[in-house]
Amino acid sequence: MDCDKAIHRIYHYLDGELTIWRRRAIARHLDECPPCAEGFDFEIELRQVIASKCRDEVPPELRRRIAAALGEPLPEDPPETL
């Protein structure tokens, strides 16, 4: 697998959307290609930062309105972030 194909498929790889054979081909390429491996590591770190920092609080009134519109009771201990 060349670098262009690996980079093109890296997001599918990270999302677990590839067959086992394509995952193995990309993993092998990453083991043998330091520039692609660095890009892969960067993408993993970026996803971790986004997951940990990019959270919005849902105002309680909005939660109540959504629950009422769905006809659902609010949970007793609702999560504060999405």
N, C-alpha and C. Protein backbone atom coordinates (compact mmCIF):
# COMPACT_ATOMS: atom_id res chain seq x y z
N MET A 1 0.85 -1.17 0.00
CA MET A 1 0.00 0.00 0.00
C MET A 1 0.90 1.23 0.00
N ASP A 2 0.55 2.21 -0.83
CA ASP A 2 1.34 3.43 -0.87
C ASP A 2 0.78 4.48 0.10
N CYS A 3 1.52 5.55 0.28
CA CYS A 3 1.14 6.58 1.25
C CYS A 3 -0.20 7.23 0.92
N ASP A 4 -0.46 7.51 -0.35
CA ASP A 4 -1.73 8.14 -0.72
C ASP A 4 -2.92 7.28 -0.32
N LYS A 5 -2.84 5.99 -0.59
CA LYS A 5 -3.93 5.09 -0.21
C LYS A 5 -4.07 5.00 1.30
N ALA A 6 -2.95 4.93 1.99
CA ALA A 6 -2.98 4.81 3.45
C ALA A 6 -3.62 6.05 4.07
N ILE A 7 -3.21 7.23 3.62
CA ILE A 7 -3.76 8.47 4.17
C ILE A 7 -5.24 8.58 3.83
N HIS A 8 -5.60 8.19 2.63
CA HIS A 8 -7.01 8.26 2.23
C HIS A 8 -7.88 7.36 3.11
N ARG A 9 -7.35 6.23 3.53
CA ARG A 9 -8.14 5.27 4.30
C ARG A 9 -7.95 5.40 5.81
N ILE A 10 -7.08 6.29 6.25
CA ILE A 10 -6.75 6.35 7.67
C ILE A 10 -7.97 6.71 8.53
N TYR A 11 -8.85 7.56 8.01
CA TYR A 11 -10.03 7.94 8.79
C TYR A 11 -11.00 6.77 8.91
N HIS A 12 -11.12 5.99 7.85
CA HIS A 12 -11.95 4.79 7.91
C HIS A 12 -11.33 3.78 8.88
N TYR A 13 -10.01 3.72 8.88
CA TYR A 13 -9.28 2.85 9.79
C TYR A 13 -9.58 3.24 11.24
N LEU A 14 -9.47 4.54 11.53
CA LEU A 14 -9.71 5.02 12.89
C LEU A 14 -11.16 4.81 13.32
N ASP A 15 -12.08 4.87 12.38
CA ASP A 15 -13.49 4.69 12.69
C ASP A 15 -13.90 3.21 12.72
N GLY A 16 -12.97 2.30 12.43
CA GLY A 16 -13.27 0.87 12.46
C GLY A 16 -14.16 0.43 11.31
N GLU A 17 -14.07 1.11 10.18
CA GLU A 17 -14.96 0.84 9.05
C GLU A 17 -14.33 -0.02 7.95
N LEU A 18 -13.17 -0.58 8.20
CA LEU A 18 -12.48 -1.35 7.17
C LEU A 18 -12.50 -2.84 7.49
N THR A 19 -12.32 -3.64 6.46
CA THR A 19 -12.20 -5.08 6.67
C THR A 19 -10.90 -5.35 7.42
N ILE A 20 -10.82 -6.52 7.99
CA ILE A 20 -9.60 -6.91 8.72
C ILE A 20 -8.38 -6.89 7.81
N TRP A 21 -8.56 -7.24 6.52
CA TRP A 21 -7.43 -7.27 5.60
C TRP A 21 -6.92 -5.86 5.29
N ARG A 22 -7.83 -4.92 5.11
CA ARG A 22 -7.38 -3.54 4.87
C ARG A 22 -6.77 -2.94 6.12
N ARG A 23 -7.33 -3.28 7.28
CA ARG A 23 -6.74 -2.79 8.54
C ARG A 23 -5.30 -3.30 8.68
N ARG A 24 -5.09 -4.56 8.34
CA ARG A 24 -3.74 -5.13 8.43
C ARG A 24 -2.80 -4.46 7.44
N ALA A 25 -3.28 -4.18 6.24
CA ALA A 25 -2.43 -3.52 5.23
C ALA A 25 -2.03 -2.12 5.70
N ILE A 26 -2.98 -1.40 6.28
CA ILE A 26 -2.66 -0.06 6.78
C ILE A 26 -1.71 -0.15 7.97
N ALA A 27 -1.96 -1.07 8.88
CA ALA A 27 -1.08 -1.23 10.04
C ALA A 27 0.34 -1.56 9.59
N ARG A 28 0.47 -2.42 8.60
CA ARG A 28 1.79 -2.77 8.07
C ARG A 28 2.46 -1.53 7.46
N HIS A 29 1.68 -0.75 6.71
CA HIS A 29 2.23 0.46 6.11
C HIS A 29 2.70 1.42 7.20
N LEU A 30 1.89 1.60 8.24
CA LEU A 30 2.26 2.51 9.32
C LEU A 30 3.52 2.05 10.04
N ASP A 31 3.69 0.73 10.16
CA ASP A 31 4.90 0.19 10.80
C ASP A 31 6.14 0.48 9.97
N GLU A 32 5.97 0.57 8.66
CA GLU A 32 7.11 0.73 7.75
C GLU A 32 7.33 2.16 7.27
N CYS A 33 6.41 3.07 7.56
CA CYS A 33 6.48 4.42 7.02
C CYS A 33 6.37 5.46 8.15
N PRO A 34 7.50 5.94 8.67
CA PRO A 34 7.46 6.90 9.77
C PRO A 34 6.64 8.17 9.49
N PRO A 35 6.70 8.77 8.30
CA PRO A 35 5.87 9.97 8.07
C PRO A 35 4.37 9.68 8.20
N CYS A 36 3.91 8.58 7.66
CA CYS A 36 2.49 8.23 7.79
C CYS A 36 2.15 7.90 9.24
N ALA A 37 3.06 7.22 9.93
CA ALA A 37 2.83 6.88 11.34
C ALA A 37 2.71 8.14 12.19
N GLU A 38 3.52 9.16 11.89
CA GLU A 38 3.42 10.43 12.61
C GLU A 38 2.07 11.08 12.36
N GLY A 39 1.61 11.06 11.13
CA GLY A 39 0.29 11.61 10.81
C GLY A 39 -0.81 10.86 11.52
N PHE A 40 -0.68 9.55 11.59
CA PHE A 40 -1.65 8.71 12.29
C PHE A 40 -1.68 9.07 13.78
N ASP A 41 -0.51 9.18 14.39
CA ASP A 41 -0.43 9.55 15.81
C ASP A 41 -1.07 10.91 16.05
N PHE A 42 -0.83 11.85 15.14
CA PHE A 42 -1.42 13.18 15.27
C PHE A 42 -2.95 13.09 15.24
N GLU A 43 -3.49 12.30 14.33
CA GLU A 43 -4.95 12.16 14.22
C GLU A 43 -5.54 11.56 15.49
N ILE A 44 -4.85 10.60 16.08
CA ILE A 44 -5.32 10.01 17.33
C ILE A 44 -5.34 11.06 18.43
N GLU A 45 -4.24 11.81 18.56
CA GLU A 45 -4.18 12.86 19.58
C GLU A 45 -5.25 13.92 19.36
N LEU A 46 -5.45 14.32 18.12
CA LEU A 46 -6.46 15.32 17.80
C LEU A 46 -7.85 14.84 18.20
N ARG A 47 -8.17 13.60 17.89
CA ARG A 47 -9.47 13.05 18.28
C ARG A 47 -9.63 13.01 19.80
N GLN A 48 -8.56 12.70 20.51
CA GLN A 48 -8.64 12.66 21.97
C GLN A 48 -8.88 14.05 22.55
N VAL A 49 -8.20 15.05 22.01
CA VAL A 49 -8.38 16.42 22.48
C VAL A 49 -9.80 16.88 22.20
N ILE A 50 -10.28 16.64 21.00
CA ILE A 50 -11.64 17.05 20.65
C ILE A 50 -12.65 16.36 21.55
N ALA A 51 -12.48 15.07 21.79
CA ALA A 51 -13.42 14.33 22.63
C ALA A 51 -13.42 14.85 24.07
N SER A 52 -12.27 15.28 24.56
CA SER A 52 -12.20 15.71 25.96
C SER A 52 -12.54 17.19 26.15
N LYS A 53 -12.35 18.01 25.15
CA LYS A 53 -12.53 19.46 25.30
C LYS A 53 -13.80 20.01 24.67
N CYS A 54 -14.31 19.38 23.67
CA CYS A 54 -15.43 19.92 22.92
C CYS A 54 -16.74 19.32 23.39
N ARG A 55 -17.17 19.81 24.50
CA ARG A 55 -18.45 19.34 25.06
C ARG A 55 -19.28 20.57 25.39
N ASP A 56 -20.55 20.51 25.04
CA ASP A 56 -21.46 21.61 25.32
C ASP A 56 -22.40 21.20 26.44
N GLU A 57 -22.68 22.16 27.34
CA GLU A 57 -23.68 21.92 28.37
C GLU A 57 -25.05 22.16 27.77
N VAL A 58 -25.96 21.29 28.12
CA VAL A 58 -27.33 21.44 27.66
C VAL A 58 -28.11 22.13 28.78
N PRO A 59 -28.69 23.30 28.48
CA PRO A 59 -29.45 24.00 29.52
C PRO A 59 -30.63 23.15 30.01
N PRO A 60 -30.89 23.18 31.31
CA PRO A 60 -31.97 22.35 31.87
C PRO A 60 -33.32 22.59 31.20
N GLU A 61 -33.62 23.83 30.86
CA GLU A 61 -34.91 24.13 30.22
C GLU A 61 -35.02 23.44 28.86
N LEU A 62 -33.94 23.43 28.10
CA LEU A 62 -33.95 22.76 26.81
C LEU A 62 -34.16 21.26 26.99
N ARG A 63 -33.52 20.69 27.97
CA ARG A 63 -33.70 19.26 28.26
C ARG A 63 -35.16 18.96 28.58
N ARG A 64 -35.78 19.83 29.40
CA ARG A 64 -37.19 19.62 29.77
C ARG A 64 -38.09 19.72 28.53
N ARG A 65 -37.82 20.70 27.67
CA ARG A 65 -38.65 20.88 26.47
C ARG A 65 -38.52 19.69 25.52
N ILE A 66 -37.31 19.19 25.36
CA ILE A 66 -37.09 18.03 24.49
C ILE A 66 -37.80 16.80 25.06
N ALA A 67 -37.65 16.59 26.38
CA ALA A 67 -38.30 15.44 27.01
C ALA A 67 -39.81 15.55 26.88
N ALA A 68 -40.35 16.73 27.08
CA ALA A 68 -41.80 16.93 26.95
C ALA A 68 -42.25 16.68 25.52
N ALA A 69 -41.49 17.15 24.54
CA ALA A 69 -41.86 16.96 23.14
C ALA A 69 -41.83 15.48 22.76
N LEU A 70 -40.94 14.72 23.39
CA LEU A 70 -40.85 13.29 23.12
C LEU A 70 -41.81 12.46 23.98
N GLY A 71 -42.43 13.14 24.96
CA GLY A 71 -43.33 12.43 25.86
C GLY A 71 -42.59 11.53 26.82
N GLU A 72 -41.35 11.87 27.12
CA GLU A 72 -40.52 11.06 28.00
C GLU A 72 -40.28 11.80 29.31
N PRO A 73 -40.26 11.06 30.42
CA PRO A 73 -39.88 11.72 31.68
C PRO A 73 -38.37 11.95 31.70
N LEU A 74 -37.97 12.98 32.40
CA LEU A 74 -36.54 13.24 32.55
C LEU A 74 -35.93 12.22 33.50
N PRO A 75 -34.73 11.74 33.19
CA PRO A 75 -34.06 10.85 34.15
C PRO A 75 -33.77 11.61 35.44
N GLU A 76 -33.68 10.89 36.53
CA GLU A 76 -33.45 11.55 37.81
C GLU A 76 -32.10 12.22 37.89
N ASP A 77 -31.09 11.64 37.31
CA ASP A 77 -29.75 12.20 37.35
C ASP A 77 -29.24 12.38 35.92
N PRO A 78 -29.74 13.41 35.19
CA PRO A 78 -29.37 13.56 33.78
C PRO A 78 -27.92 13.97 33.60
N PRO A 79 -27.30 13.54 32.51
CA PRO A 79 -25.94 14.00 32.21
C PRO A 79 -25.99 15.48 31.87
N GLU A 80 -24.91 16.18 32.21
CA GLU A 80 -24.88 17.61 32.00
C GLU A 80 -24.29 18.01 30.66
N THR A 81 -23.62 17.10 29.98
CA THR A 81 -22.97 17.44 28.71
C THR A 81 -23.39 16.47 27.64
N LEU A 82 -23.22 16.89 26.39
CA LEU A 82 -23.46 16.02 25.24
C LEU A 82 -22.15 15.66 24.61
